[in-house]
Amino acid sequence: MRTASADLLAVRTITVDGSDVYLRVTASPVDLAIRWSREGDLRVAGSPVLFRAGDRSRRLLGTNFRAGTTFCLDVVGEAGDWCGVVDWNV
């Protein structure tokens, strides 16, 4: 499992076939809708997952990614300042 809490919108690479991607928002003053998207192609993306302000639950963003897939997180709408932890290759 790979985990990152810095630069949450950075591009990441799946290295294990069948991996899942999770996110836990640790601080946000507003509700957020976040999805995964393929690097450079927003037409290939997951459905937005709602993270309510103050809810620190880890949520599943996508499943069964192939090794070699590059993805990033995309905030749908306005975000403001927020932070969290993303896990991939899970």
Protein backbone atom coordinates (compact mmCIF):
# COMPACT_ATOMS: atom_id res chain seq x y z
CA MET A 1 0.00 0.00 0.00
CA ARG A 2 1.22 3.49 -0.87
CA THR A 3 0.11 6.43 1.27
CA ALA A 4 0.55 10.17 0.77
CA SER A 5 -0.68 13.21 2.63
CA ALA A 6 1.25 15.90 0.74
CA ASP A 7 0.20 17.23 -2.67
CA LEU A 8 -3.06 15.30 -2.83
CA LEU A 9 -3.70 16.34 -6.44
CA ALA A 10 -0.37 14.90 -7.69
CA VAL A 11 -0.20 12.18 -10.35
CA ARG A 12 0.25 8.67 -8.95
CA THR A 13 0.89 5.30 -10.56
CA ILE A 14 -0.77 2.00 -9.69
CA THR A 15 1.84 -0.76 -9.47
CA VAL A 16 -0.30 -3.73 -8.36
CA ASP A 17 -3.07 -5.17 -10.58
CA GLY A 18 -6.53 -5.06 -9.03
CA SER A 19 -5.70 -2.18 -6.69
CA ASP A 20 -8.17 0.18 -5.04
CA VAL A 21 -7.85 3.90 -4.23
CA TYR A 22 -9.08 5.39 -0.94
CA LEU A 23 -9.15 8.91 0.48
CA ARG A 24 -9.64 10.22 4.01
CA VAL A 25 -10.18 13.97 4.29
CA THR A 26 -8.64 15.03 7.59
CA ALA A 27 -9.62 18.72 7.49
CA SER A 28 -12.00 20.77 5.37
CA PRO A 29 -14.23 23.72 6.22
CA VAL A 30 -16.73 22.74 3.49
CA ASP A 31 -18.22 19.59 1.97
CA LEU A 32 -16.07 18.23 -0.86
CA ALA A 33 -16.89 16.08 -3.90
CA ILE A 34 -13.73 14.27 -5.02
CA ARG A 35 -13.13 11.73 -7.78
CA TRP A 36 -10.17 10.03 -9.39
CA SER A 37 -9.33 10.84 -12.99
CA ARG A 38 -6.86 9.49 -15.51
CA GLU A 39 -3.79 11.67 -15.88
CA GLY A 40 -4.41 14.16 -18.67
CA ASP A 41 -7.90 12.89 -19.56
CA LEU A 42 -10.80 14.11 -17.41
CA ARG A 43 -13.21 12.15 -19.65
CA VAL A 44 -11.97 9.00 -17.88
CA ALA A 45 -12.90 9.50 -14.25
CA GLY A 46 -14.78 7.99 -11.36
CA SER A 47 -18.00 9.28 -9.90
CA PRO A 48 -17.59 12.05 -7.32
CA VAL A 49 -17.60 10.87 -3.71
CA LEU A 50 -19.00 13.27 -1.11
CA PHE A 51 -16.86 14.07 1.91
CA ARG A 52 -18.86 16.10 4.44
CA ALA A 53 -16.98 18.75 6.42
CA GLY A 54 -15.79 17.21 9.69
CA ASP A 55 -16.28 13.58 8.57
CA ARG A 56 -12.88 11.86 8.68
CA SER A 57 -13.98 8.48 7.33
CA ARG A 58 -11.82 6.76 4.73
CA ARG A 59 -13.85 6.34 1.53
CA LEU A 60 -13.35 4.23 -1.57
CA LEU A 61 -12.81 6.29 -4.75
CA GLY A 62 -12.17 3.51 -7.27
CA THR A 63 -11.55 -0.22 -7.58
CA ASN A 64 -9.71 -2.80 -9.66
CA PHE A 65 -7.13 -0.56 -11.34
CA ARG A 66 -4.55 -2.14 -13.62
CA ALA A 67 -0.84 -1.87 -12.90
CA GLY A 68 0.60 1.06 -14.84
CA THR A 69 -2.53 3.20 -14.56
CA THR A 70 -1.72 6.82 -13.75
CA PHE A 71 -4.35 8.78 -11.87
CA CYS A 72 -4.87 11.94 -9.89
CA LEU A 73 -7.57 13.29 -7.61
CA ASP A 74 -9.96 15.93 -8.89
CA VAL A 75 -12.11 18.17 -6.70
CA VAL A 76 -15.50 18.80 -8.32
CA GLY A 77 -16.52 22.40 -7.59
CA GLU A 78 -14.86 24.76 -5.15
CA ALA A 79 -12.62 23.30 -2.49
CA GLY A 80 -10.88 25.95 -0.42
CA ASP A 81 -8.11 24.69 1.86
CA TRP A 82 -8.32 21.00 2.71
CA CYS A 83 -6.01 18.14 3.54
CA GLY A 84 -6.22 14.39 3.75
CA VAL A 85 -4.56 11.04 3.14
CA VAL A 86 -4.74 9.06 -0.11
CA ASP A 87 -4.02 5.30 -0.19
CA TRP A 88 -3.47 3.35 -3.41
CA ASN A 89 -2.18 -0.11 -4.37
CA VAL A 90 -4.54 -1.41 -1.67
